[in-house]
Amino acid sequence: APLMESDLRAKPHLQLLASDASEEGLGGCAAPITESHWQQLFRLAEERGCHVRLDWQAGQVARLVDNRSSACGLALQASWGVTLQVPVRRPKHINLLELEAVFRVIESVGKSGVRRARLLLLVDSQVTVGAVSKGRSSSRRVNYWLRRIAGVCLSYGLSVDVVWIPTKANPADAPSR
């Protein structure tokens, strides 16, 4: 029997989610979204992490096009509501706080009764995007949160797709402070 499974026929959850963390707190937001906007953002979701090259020649960087910034426009237009605002009790590394915020946002969706759905989550941490997209990390502490995220997704039949957005466009930035 498989440890994890994914229902590729699961319907999109038409609530766009966002999470963020700071040294002061964890924040989460949700906004209603149309199916066409959901599909547009889904195409921007990270699958395997970012491409990195250490041998760029002069002028090559200018040819790179990052279409993920189109997520900013959709994020800034949406009518967001705060779903999570929790103070941080003990200081932790910011990457661990970001993953805890993702976990809490997904858990709150599951506890609200959503089952067998695909979630879109906006995050402003590249580490979180890469780790959640891959489902693993070389860090044991990061893997702890990834296992918790996998557990809650398995329990509620949720599939999570993560889209990176800049911090200034992240609606969950304010509730995390």
C-alpha atoms as a PDB file:
ATOM      1  CA  ALA A   1       0.000   0.000   0.000  1.00  0.00           C
ATOM      2  CA  PRO A   2       1.348   3.455  -0.848  1.00  0.00           C
ATOM      3  CA  LEU A   3       2.392   5.814   1.913  1.00  0.00           C
ATOM      4  CA  MET A   4       1.043   8.898   0.114  1.00  0.00           C
ATOM      5  CA  GLU A   5      -1.411   9.242  -2.709  1.00  0.00           C
ATOM      6  CA  SER A   6      -2.776  12.102  -4.729  1.00  0.00           C
ATOM      7  CA  ASP A   7      -6.163  12.389  -6.367  1.00  0.00           C
ATOM      8  CA  LEU A   8      -5.479  14.020  -9.720  1.00  0.00           C
ATOM      9  CA  ARG A   9      -9.219  14.442 -10.222  1.00  0.00           C
ATOM     10  CA  ALA A  10      -9.612  16.454  -7.026  1.00  0.00           C
ATOM     11  CA  LYS A  11     -11.367  19.738  -7.620  1.00  0.00           C
ATOM     12  CA  PRO A  12      -9.554  23.027  -7.078  1.00  0.00           C
ATOM     13  CA  HIS A  13     -10.387  24.708  -3.776  1.00  0.00           C
ATOM     14  CA  LEU A  14     -11.536  28.125  -4.973  1.00  0.00           C
ATOM     15  CA  GLN A  15      -9.966  29.942  -2.043  1.00  0.00           C
ATOM     16  CA  LEU A  16      -6.511  31.339  -2.673  1.00  0.00           C
ATOM     17  CA  LEU A  17      -4.365  30.913   0.444  1.00  0.00           C
ATOM     18  CA  ALA A  18      -1.316  32.825   1.644  1.00  0.00           C
ATOM     19  CA  SER A  19       1.025  32.271   4.570  1.00  0.00           C
ATOM     20  CA  ASP A  20       3.911  34.185   6.093  1.00  0.00           C
ATOM     21  CA  ALA A  21       6.041  34.248   9.200  1.00  0.00           C
ATOM     22  CA  SER A  22       8.167  36.746  11.058  1.00  0.00           C
ATOM     23  CA  GLU A  23      10.038  36.666  14.339  1.00  0.00           C
ATOM     24  CA  GLU A  24       6.884  38.075  15.962  1.00  0.00           C
ATOM     25  CA  GLY A  25       4.224  35.760  14.571  1.00  0.00           C
ATOM     26  CA  LEU A  26       2.631  33.533  11.951  1.00  0.00           C
ATOM     27  CA  GLY A  27       0.023  34.812   9.520  1.00  0.00           C
ATOM     28  CA  GLY A  28      -2.419  33.344   7.059  1.00  0.00           C
ATOM     29  CA  CYS A  29      -5.037  34.762   4.686  1.00  0.00           C
ATOM     30  CA  ALA A  30      -7.634  33.456   2.257  1.00  0.00           C
ATOM     31  CA  ALA A  31      -9.471  35.040  -0.651  1.00  0.00           C
ATOM     32  CA  PRO A  32     -12.135  33.744  -3.025  1.00  0.00           C
ATOM     33  CA  ILE A  33     -10.841  33.102  -6.529  1.00  0.00           C
ATOM     34  CA  THR A  34     -12.416  32.162  -9.855  1.00  0.00           C
ATOM     35  CA  GLU A  35     -11.555  28.870 -11.511  1.00  0.00           C
ATOM     36  CA  SER A  36      -9.850  30.649 -14.422  1.00  0.00           C
ATOM     37  CA  HIS A  37      -7.622  32.604 -12.019  1.00  0.00           C
ATOM     38  CA  TRP A  38      -6.949  29.376 -10.105  1.00  0.00           C
ATOM     39  CA  GLN A  39      -5.805  27.705 -13.341  1.00  0.00           C
ATOM     40  CA  GLN A  40      -3.630  30.697 -14.212  1.00  0.00           C
ATOM     41  CA  LEU A  41      -1.902  30.592 -10.813  1.00  0.00           C
ATOM     42  CA  PHE A  42      -1.641  26.795 -10.886  1.00  0.00           C
ATOM     43  CA  ARG A  43       0.545  27.071 -13.986  1.00  0.00           C
ATOM     44  CA  LEU A  44       2.971  29.178 -11.922  1.00  0.00           C
ATOM     45  CA  ALA A  45       3.201  26.652  -9.082  1.00  0.00           C
ATOM     46  CA  GLU A  46       6.625  25.251  -8.366  1.00  0.00           C
ATOM     47  CA  GLU A  47       7.180  21.614  -9.273  1.00  0.00           C
ATOM     48  CA  ARG A  48      10.759  20.736  -8.451  1.00  0.00           C
ATOM     49  CA  GLY A  49      12.525  23.833  -7.160  1.00  0.00           C
ATOM     50  CA  CYS A  50      14.438  26.553  -8.964  1.00  0.00           C
ATOM     51  CA  HIS A  51      17.058  26.301 -11.672  1.00  0.00           C
ATOM     52  CA  VAL A  52      20.414  27.574 -10.463  1.00  0.00           C
ATOM     53  CA  ARG A  53      23.530  28.164 -12.534  1.00  0.00           C
ATOM     54  CA  LEU A  54      26.838  29.293 -11.143  1.00  0.00           C
ATOM     55  CA  ASP A  55      28.534  29.897 -14.495  1.00  0.00           C
ATOM     56  CA  TRP A  56      26.501  32.777 -15.980  1.00  0.00           C
ATOM     57  CA  GLN A  57      28.270  34.781 -18.648  1.00  0.00           C
ATOM     58  CA  ALA A  58      27.890  38.563 -18.844  1.00  0.00           C
ATOM     59  CA  GLY A  59      24.555  39.449 -20.456  1.00  0.00           C
ATOM     60  CA  GLN A  60      22.924  36.030 -20.026  1.00  0.00           C
ATOM     61  CA  VAL A  61      21.036  37.006 -16.878  1.00  0.00           C
ATOM     62  CA  ALA A  62      19.108  39.678 -18.788  1.00  0.00           C
ATOM     63  CA  ARG A  63      17.525  36.953 -20.948  1.00  0.00           C
ATOM     64  CA  LEU A  64      15.873  35.295 -17.972  1.00  0.00           C
ATOM     65  CA  VAL A  65      12.147  35.921 -17.741  1.00  0.00           C
ATOM     66  CA  ASP A  66      10.373  35.300 -14.458  1.00  0.00           C
ATOM     67  CA  ASN A  67       6.653  34.963 -15.150  1.00  0.00           C
ATOM     68  CA  ARG A  68       5.866  34.287 -11.488  1.00  0.00           C
ATOM     69  CA  SER A  69       5.479  38.023 -10.927  1.00  0.00           C
ATOM     70  CA  SER A  70       2.092  37.793 -12.680  1.00  0.00           C
ATOM     71  CA  ALA A  71       0.867  36.189  -9.442  1.00  0.00           C
ATOM     72  CA  CYS A  72       1.333  39.585  -7.778  1.00  0.00           C
ATOM     73  CA  GLY A  73      -1.417  41.182  -9.825  1.00  0.00           C
ATOM     74  CA  LEU A  74      -3.933  38.498  -8.902  1.00  0.00           C
ATOM     75  CA  ALA A  75      -2.858  38.590  -5.262  1.00  0.00           C
ATOM     76  CA  LEU A  76      -3.176  42.361  -5.001  1.00  0.00           C
ATOM     77  CA  GLN A  77      -6.655  42.363  -6.621  1.00  0.00           C
ATOM     78  CA  ALA A  78      -8.178  39.723  -4.335  1.00  0.00           C
ATOM     79  CA  SER A  79     -10.280  40.546  -1.283  1.00  0.00           C
ATOM     80  CA  TRP A  80      -8.341  38.894   1.533  1.00  0.00           C
ATOM     81  CA  GLY A  81      -9.482  37.869   4.980  1.00  0.00           C
ATOM     82  CA  VAL A  82      -7.169  36.950   7.844  1.00  0.00           C
ATOM     83  CA  THR A  83      -7.436  33.263   8.801  1.00  0.00           C
ATOM     84  CA  LEU A  84      -4.371  32.893  11.011  1.00  0.00           C
ATOM     85  CA  GLN A  85      -2.621  35.286  13.364  1.00  0.00           C
ATOM     86  CA  VAL A  86      -0.525  33.553  16.011  1.00  0.00           C
ATOM     87  CA  PRO A  87       2.333  35.035  18.052  1.00  0.00           C
ATOM     88  CA  VAL A  88       5.641  33.158  18.111  1.00  0.00           C
ATOM     89  CA  ARG A  89       6.347  31.851  21.607  1.00  0.00           C
ATOM     90  CA  ARG A  90       9.960  30.718  21.233  1.00  0.00           C
ATOM     91  CA  PRO A  91      12.482  32.058  18.732  1.00  0.00           C
ATOM     92  CA  LYS A  92      13.127  29.705  15.799  1.00  0.00           C
ATOM     93  CA  HIS A  93      14.871  29.952  12.474  1.00  0.00           C
ATOM     94  CA  ILE A  94      12.727  31.890   9.989  1.00  0.00           C
ATOM     95  CA  ASN A  95      12.576  28.933   7.564  1.00  0.00           C
ATOM     96  CA  LEU A  96      11.036  26.765  10.288  1.00  0.00           C
ATOM     97  CA  LEU A  97       8.537  29.497  11.137  1.00  0.00           C
ATOM     98  CA  GLU A  98       7.548  29.796   7.464  1.00  0.00           C
ATOM     99  CA  LEU A  99       6.943  26.036   7.279  1.00  0.00           C
ATOM    100  CA  GLU A 100       4.930  26.108  10.503  1.00  0.00           C
ATOM    101  CA  ALA A 101       2.754  28.863   9.011  1.00  0.00           C
ATOM    102  CA  VAL A 102       2.171  26.717   5.902  1.00  0.00           C
ATOM    103  CA  PHE A 103       1.254  23.755   8.118  1.00  0.00           C
ATOM    104  CA  ARG A 104      -1.207  25.800  10.186  1.00  0.00           C
ATOM    105  CA  VAL A 105      -2.898  27.305   7.128  1.00  0.00           C
ATOM    106  CA  ILE A 106      -3.344  23.868   5.508  1.00  0.00           C
ATOM    107  CA  GLU A 107      -4.527  22.372   8.792  1.00  0.00           C
ATOM    108  CA  SER A 108      -7.132  25.133   9.222  1.00  0.00           C
ATOM    109  CA  VAL A 109      -8.483  24.432   5.720  1.00  0.00           C
ATOM    110  CA  GLY A 110      -8.801  20.733   6.537  1.00  0.00           C
ATOM    111  CA  LYS A 111     -10.454  21.436   9.883  1.00  0.00           C
ATOM    112  CA  SER A 112     -12.986  23.689   8.144  1.00  0.00           C
ATOM    113  CA  GLY A 113     -14.340  20.634   6.316  1.00  0.00           C
ATOM    114  CA  VAL A 114     -12.546  20.803   2.962  1.00  0.00           C
ATOM    115  CA  ARG A 115     -11.783  17.309   1.643  1.00  0.00           C
ATOM    116  CA  ARG A 116     -10.274  15.915  -1.573  1.00  0.00           C
ATOM    117  CA  ALA A 117      -9.208  19.285  -2.950  1.00  0.00           C
ATOM    118  CA  ARG A 118      -6.228  20.972  -4.551  1.00  0.00           C
ATOM    119  CA  LEU A 119      -4.998  24.030  -2.668  1.00  0.00           C
ATOM    120  CA  LEU A 120      -3.013  26.971  -4.026  1.00  0.00           C
ATOM    121  CA  LEU A 121      -0.780  28.647  -1.464  1.00  0.00           C
ATOM    122  CA  LEU A 122       1.155  31.880  -1.924  1.00  0.00           C
ATOM    123  CA  VAL A 123       4.458  32.018  -0.033  1.00  0.00           C
ATOM    124  CA  ASP A 124       7.291  34.569  -0.033  1.00  0.00           C
ATOM    125  CA  SER A 125      10.044  32.192   1.091  1.00  0.00           C
ATOM    126  CA  GLN A 126      12.044  30.432  -1.620  1.00  0.00           C
ATOM    127  CA  VAL A 127      13.211  27.835   0.916  1.00  0.00           C
ATOM    128  CA  THR A 128       9.611  26.982   1.797  1.00  0.00           C
ATOM    129  CA  VAL A 129       8.568  26.854  -1.860  1.00  0.00           C
ATOM    130  CA  GLY A 130      11.402  24.481  -2.724  1.00  0.00           C
ATOM    131  CA  ALA A 131      10.999  22.243   0.320  1.00  0.00           C
ATOM    132  CA  VAL A 132       7.199  21.921   0.087  1.00  0.00           C
ATOM    133  CA  SER A 133       7.345  21.367  -3.686  1.00  0.00           C
ATOM    134  CA  LYS A 134       9.951  18.626  -3.374  1.00  0.00           C
ATOM    135  CA  GLY A 135       8.586  17.202  -0.148  1.00  0.00           C
ATOM    136  CA  ARG A 136      12.004  16.711   1.375  1.00  0.00           C
ATOM    137  CA  SER A 137      15.082  18.519   2.587  1.00  0.00           C
ATOM    138  CA  SER A 138      18.575  17.763   3.852  1.00  0.00           C
ATOM    139  CA  SER A 139      17.628  19.485   7.121  1.00  0.00           C
ATOM    140  CA  ARG A 140      16.036  17.274   9.772  1.00  0.00           C
ATOM    141  CA  ARG A 141      14.177  20.231  11.280  1.00  0.00           C
ATOM    142  CA  VAL A 142      12.724  21.185   7.901  1.00  0.00           C
ATOM    143  CA  ASN A 143      11.755  17.546   7.312  1.00  0.00           C
ATOM    144  CA  TYR A 144       9.868  17.560  10.627  1.00  0.00           C
ATOM    145  CA  TRP A 145       7.502  20.227   9.278  1.00  0.00           C
ATOM    146  CA  LEU A 146       7.331  18.577   5.851  1.00  0.00           C
ATOM    147  CA  ARG A 147       6.192  15.334   7.493  1.00  0.00           C
ATOM    148  CA  ARG A 148       3.532  17.228   9.442  1.00  0.00           C
ATOM    149  CA  ILE A 149       2.348  18.930   6.238  1.00  0.00           C
ATOM    150  CA  ALA A 150       2.253  15.558   4.449  1.00  0.00           C
ATOM    151  CA  GLY A 151       0.287  14.058   7.345  1.00  0.00           C
ATOM    152  CA  VAL A 152      -2.386  16.738   7.349  1.00  0.00           C
ATOM    153  CA  CYS A 153      -2.649  16.561   3.537  1.00  0.00           C
ATOM    154  CA  LEU A 154      -3.038  12.783   3.686  1.00  0.00           C
ATOM    155  CA  SER A 155      -5.612  13.015   6.499  1.00  0.00           C
ATOM    156  CA  TYR A 156      -7.858  15.448   4.641  1.00  0.00           C
ATOM    157  CA  GLY A 157      -7.130  14.350   1.065  1.00  0.00           C
ATOM    158  CA  LEU A 158      -5.538  17.677   0.156  1.00  0.00           C
ATOM    159  CA  SER A 159      -2.926  18.412  -2.462  1.00  0.00           C
ATOM    160  CA  VAL A 160      -0.922  21.630  -2.086  1.00  0.00           C
ATOM    161  CA  ASP A 161       0.653  23.632  -4.878  1.00  0.00           C
ATOM    162  CA  VAL A 162       2.921  26.488  -3.833  1.00  0.00           C
ATOM    163  CA  VAL A 163       3.428  29.743  -5.743  1.00  0.00           C
ATOM    164  CA  TRP A 164       6.178  32.186  -4.822  1.00  0.00           C
ATOM    165  CA  ILE A 165       5.340  35.885  -4.572  1.00  0.00           C
ATOM    166  CA  PRO A 166       7.448  38.820  -3.358  1.00  0.00           C
ATOM    167  CA  THR A 167       7.061  39.818   0.290  1.00  0.00           C
ATOM    168  CA  LYS A 168       5.506  43.185  -0.594  1.00  0.00           C
ATOM    169  CA  ALA A 169       2.688  41.402  -2.463  1.00  0.00           C
ATOM    170  CA  ASN A 170       2.064  38.763   0.225  1.00  0.00           C
ATOM    171  CA  PRO A 171      -1.249  39.505   1.961  1.00  0.00           C
ATOM    172  CA  ALA A 172      -0.215  37.376   4.950  1.00  0.00           C
ATOM    173  CA  ASP A 173       2.718  39.663   5.701  1.00  0.00           C
ATOM    174  CA  ALA A 174       0.681  42.065   7.864  1.00  0.00           C
ATOM    175  CA  PRO A 175      -0.979  39.397  10.083  1.00  0.00           C
ATOM    176  CA  SER A 176       2.439  37.833  10.740  1.00  0.00           C
ATOM    177  CA  ARG A 177       3.731  41.001  12.408  1.00  0.00           C
END
